[in-house]
Amino acid sequence: MALTETIQQQNQHTIERIDTVLQANPDLLDHLDDLEISMEGSRIVLRGHMPTVALKQALVPAIRQAGVLGQVCNCVEIA
């Protein structure tokens, strides 16, 4: 039980770090309400919509700035 709670806390902390970095990005800031960030196993999964391909492509480098080195699955659609 304690191990599960620790993993959940680590996942939540990772998502919070990502959210902080994304909020600091002026290009992405206005579109974060359309983005969902979750952890599935050990990978970060992004879902939602971005208005341009450039903004979609900017997500992963921004997440790397948060110190995330693991797999990022960018399932964001262009709308």
N, C-alpha and C. Protein backbone atom coordinates (compact mmCIF):
# COMPACT_ATOMS: atom_id res chain seq x y z
N MET A 1 0.82 -1.20 0.00
CA MET A 1 0.00 0.00 0.00
C MET A 1 0.86 1.25 0.00
N ALA A 2 1.88 1.29 0.85
CA ALA A 2 2.74 2.47 0.92
C ALA A 2 3.49 2.69 -0.38
N LEU A 3 3.91 1.61 -1.03
CA LEU A 3 4.61 1.73 -2.30
C LEU A 3 3.70 2.35 -3.36
N THR A 4 2.44 1.92 -3.40
CA THR A 4 1.48 2.47 -4.35
C THR A 4 1.27 3.96 -4.11
N GLU A 5 1.17 4.35 -2.85
CA GLU A 5 1.00 5.76 -2.52
C GLU A 5 2.22 6.57 -2.92
N THR A 6 3.41 6.01 -2.73
CA THR A 6 4.64 6.70 -3.10
C THR A 6 4.70 6.91 -4.60
N ILE A 7 4.36 5.89 -5.37
CA ILE A 7 4.35 6.00 -6.83
C ILE A 7 3.33 7.04 -7.27
N GLN A 8 2.15 7.03 -6.67
CA GLN A 8 1.12 8.01 -7.01
C GLN A 8 1.59 9.43 -6.69
N GLN A 9 2.29 9.59 -5.57
CA GLN A 9 2.80 10.90 -5.20
C GLN A 9 3.89 11.35 -6.19
N GLN A 10 4.76 10.43 -6.59
CA GLN A 10 5.79 10.76 -7.56
C GLN A 10 5.17 11.16 -8.90
N ASN A 11 4.14 10.39 -9.32
CA ASN A 11 3.46 10.72 -10.57
C ASN A 11 2.81 12.09 -10.50
N GLN A 12 2.16 12.39 -9.39
CA GLN A 12 1.50 13.69 -9.23
C GLN A 12 2.54 14.80 -9.24
N HIS A 13 3.66 14.58 -8.60
CA HIS A 13 4.73 15.58 -8.57
C HIS A 13 5.27 15.82 -9.99
N THR A 14 5.43 14.76 -10.75
CA THR A 14 5.91 14.88 -12.14
C THR A 14 4.92 15.69 -12.97
N ILE A 15 3.63 15.40 -12.84
CA ILE A 15 2.61 16.13 -13.59
C ILE A 15 2.59 17.60 -13.18
N GLU A 16 2.77 17.87 -11.90
CA GLU A 16 2.81 19.26 -11.43
C GLU A 16 4.01 20.00 -12.00
N ARG A 17 5.17 19.34 -12.08
CA ARG A 17 6.36 19.97 -12.68
C ARG A 17 6.11 20.29 -14.14
N ILE A 18 5.51 19.33 -14.85
CA ILE A 18 5.19 19.55 -16.27
C ILE A 18 4.24 20.72 -16.42
N ASP A 19 3.20 20.75 -15.60
CA ASP A 19 2.21 21.82 -15.67
C ASP A 19 2.87 23.18 -15.43
N THR A 20 3.78 23.25 -14.48
CA THR A 20 4.47 24.51 -14.18
C THR A 20 5.28 24.99 -15.38
N VAL A 21 5.99 24.07 -16.03
CA VAL A 21 6.79 24.45 -17.19
C VAL A 21 5.90 24.87 -18.35
N LEU A 22 4.81 24.15 -18.57
CA LEU A 22 3.90 24.50 -19.66
C LEU A 22 3.26 25.86 -19.43
N GLN A 23 2.91 26.15 -18.18
CA GLN A 23 2.31 27.45 -17.87
C GLN A 23 3.30 28.60 -18.07
N ALA A 24 4.58 28.31 -17.98
CA ALA A 24 5.60 29.34 -18.18
C ALA A 24 5.90 29.58 -19.66
N ASN A 25 5.35 28.75 -20.52
CA ASN A 25 5.58 28.89 -21.96
C ASN A 25 4.47 29.77 -22.55
N PRO A 26 4.80 30.99 -22.99
CA PRO A 26 3.76 31.91 -23.47
C PRO A 26 3.01 31.40 -24.71
N ASP A 27 3.67 30.59 -25.52
CA ASP A 27 2.99 30.06 -26.71
C ASP A 27 1.95 29.01 -26.36
N LEU A 28 2.20 28.24 -25.31
CA LEU A 28 1.30 27.15 -24.93
C LEU A 28 0.25 27.56 -23.90
N LEU A 29 0.52 28.61 -23.17
CA LEU A 29 -0.31 29.00 -22.03
C LEU A 29 -1.80 29.10 -22.35
N ASP A 30 -2.14 29.69 -23.48
CA ASP A 30 -3.56 29.88 -23.81
C ASP A 30 -4.26 28.60 -24.22
N HIS A 31 -3.53 27.52 -24.37
CA HIS A 31 -4.12 26.28 -24.88
C HIS A 31 -4.09 25.14 -23.87
N LEU A 32 -3.66 25.41 -22.65
CA LEU A 32 -3.52 24.35 -21.67
C LEU A 32 -4.85 23.78 -21.19
N ASP A 33 -5.92 24.56 -21.29
CA ASP A 33 -7.23 24.04 -20.89
C ASP A 33 -7.68 22.92 -21.81
N ASP A 34 -7.11 22.85 -23.00
CA ASP A 34 -7.46 21.82 -23.98
C ASP A 34 -6.52 20.62 -23.92
N LEU A 35 -5.70 20.55 -22.89
CA LEU A 35 -4.68 19.52 -22.79
C LEU A 35 -4.87 18.70 -21.52
N GLU A 36 -4.75 17.39 -21.65
CA GLU A 36 -4.81 16.48 -20.50
C GLU A 36 -3.47 15.77 -20.41
N ILE A 37 -2.88 15.78 -19.22
CA ILE A 37 -1.61 15.12 -18.97
C ILE A 37 -1.85 14.02 -17.97
N SER A 38 -1.43 12.80 -18.30
CA SER A 38 -1.60 11.69 -17.37
C SER A 38 -0.38 10.79 -17.41
N MET A 39 -0.30 9.93 -16.43
CA MET A 39 0.74 8.91 -16.37
C MET A 39 0.08 7.56 -16.63
N GLU A 40 0.63 6.83 -17.56
CA GLU A 40 0.18 5.46 -17.83
C GLU A 40 1.40 4.57 -17.71
N GLY A 41 1.48 3.90 -16.58
CA GLY A 41 2.70 3.17 -16.29
C GLY A 41 3.80 4.17 -16.03
N SER A 42 4.89 4.05 -16.78
CA SER A 42 6.01 4.96 -16.59
C SER A 42 6.07 6.06 -17.65
N ARG A 43 5.08 6.13 -18.51
CA ARG A 43 5.13 7.13 -19.57
C ARG A 43 4.12 8.25 -19.36
N ILE A 44 4.48 9.41 -19.86
CA ILE A 44 3.60 10.58 -19.85
C ILE A 44 2.73 10.50 -21.11
N VAL A 45 1.43 10.71 -20.95
CA VAL A 45 0.52 10.68 -22.09
C VAL A 45 -0.18 12.04 -22.18
N LEU A 46 -0.10 12.62 -23.37
CA LEU A 46 -0.75 13.90 -23.64
C LEU A 46 -1.94 13.66 -24.55
N ARG A 47 -3.08 14.20 -24.17
CA ARG A 47 -4.29 14.11 -24.99
C ARG A 47 -4.94 15.48 -25.02
N GLY A 48 -5.68 15.72 -26.07
CA GLY A 48 -6.40 16.98 -26.19
C GLY A 48 -6.24 17.54 -27.58
N HIS A 49 -6.33 18.87 -27.66
CA HIS A 49 -6.29 19.55 -28.96
C HIS A 49 -5.35 20.75 -28.88
N MET A 50 -4.66 20.98 -29.96
CA MET A 50 -3.85 22.19 -30.17
C MET A 50 -4.25 22.75 -31.53
N PRO A 51 -4.17 24.06 -31.70
CA PRO A 51 -4.62 24.65 -32.97
C PRO A 51 -3.63 24.47 -34.12
N THR A 52 -2.36 24.21 -33.81
CA THR A 52 -1.37 24.08 -34.89
C THR A 52 -0.42 22.92 -34.62
N VAL A 53 0.20 22.44 -35.69
CA VAL A 53 1.21 21.39 -35.57
C VAL A 53 2.40 21.90 -34.76
N ALA A 54 2.78 23.15 -34.96
CA ALA A 54 3.92 23.73 -34.24
C ALA A 54 3.71 23.70 -32.73
N LEU A 55 2.50 24.01 -32.29
CA LEU A 55 2.22 23.97 -30.85
C LEU A 55 2.23 22.54 -30.33
N LYS A 56 1.70 21.62 -31.10
CA LYS A 56 1.76 20.20 -30.70
C LYS A 56 3.21 19.76 -30.56
N GLN A 57 4.03 20.14 -31.52
CA GLN A 57 5.43 19.74 -31.50
C GLN A 57 6.21 20.42 -30.38
N ALA A 58 5.74 21.55 -29.90
CA ALA A 58 6.41 22.27 -28.81
C ALA A 58 6.19 21.61 -27.45
N LEU A 59 5.21 20.73 -27.36
CA LEU A 59 4.88 20.12 -26.07
C LEU A 59 6.00 19.25 -25.52
N VAL A 60 6.54 18.36 -26.32
CA VAL A 60 7.55 17.42 -25.81
C VAL A 60 8.82 18.14 -25.37
N PRO A 61 9.38 19.07 -26.17
CA PRO A 61 10.55 19.80 -25.65
C PRO A 61 10.26 20.55 -24.35
N ALA A 62 9.08 21.09 -24.22
CA ALA A 62 8.71 21.78 -22.97
C ALA A 62 8.68 20.80 -21.81
N ILE A 63 8.15 19.61 -22.05
CA ILE A 63 8.10 18.58 -21.00
C ILE A 63 9.52 18.15 -20.61
N ARG A 64 10.40 18.07 -21.58
CA ARG A 64 11.80 17.73 -21.28
C ARG A 64 12.43 18.78 -20.37
N GLN A 65 12.02 20.04 -20.51
CA GLN A 65 12.53 21.10 -19.64
C GLN A 65 12.10 20.88 -18.19
N ALA A 66 11.04 20.12 -17.99
CA ALA A 66 10.58 19.81 -16.64
C ALA A 66 11.38 18.67 -16.03
N GLY A 67 12.37 18.17 -16.77
CA GLY A 67 13.20 17.10 -16.25
C GLY A 67 12.69 15.71 -16.54
N VAL A 68 11.70 15.60 -17.40
CA VAL A 68 11.13 14.30 -17.75
C VAL A 68 11.97 13.70 -18.87
N LEU A 69 12.61 12.59 -18.59
CA LEU A 69 13.46 11.95 -19.58
C LEU A 69 12.82 10.68 -20.14
N GLY A 70 11.75 10.23 -19.51
CA GLY A 70 11.09 9.01 -19.94
C GLY A 70 10.26 9.21 -21.19
N GLN A 71 9.53 8.17 -21.55
CA GLN A 71 8.72 8.18 -22.77
C GLN A 71 7.55 9.15 -22.64
N VAL A 72 7.34 9.92 -23.70
CA VAL A 72 6.20 10.84 -23.78
C VAL A 72 5.39 10.44 -25.01
N CYS A 73 4.14 10.15 -24.80
CA CYS A 73 3.24 9.78 -25.89
C CYS A 73 2.36 11.00 -26.20
N ASN A 74 2.62 11.63 -27.32
CA ASN A 74 1.88 12.85 -27.68
C ASN A 74 0.70 12.45 -28.58
N CYS A 75 -0.46 12.28 -27.97
CA CYS A 75 -1.69 11.91 -28.67
C CYS A 75 -2.58 13.13 -28.95
N VAL A 76 -2.00 14.31 -28.88
CA VAL A 76 -2.74 15.55 -29.10
C VAL A 76 -3.14 15.65 -30.56
N GLU A 77 -4.38 16.07 -30.78
CA GLU A 77 -4.89 16.25 -32.14
C GLU A 77 -4.85 17.73 -32.51
N ILE A 78 -4.80 17.98 -33.80
CA ILE A 78 -4.83 19.36 -34.30
C ILE A 78 -6.28 19.70 -34.62
N ALA A 79 -6.76 20.77 -34.01
CA ALA A 79 -8.16 21.16 -34.22
C ALA A 79 -8.24 22.60 -34.67
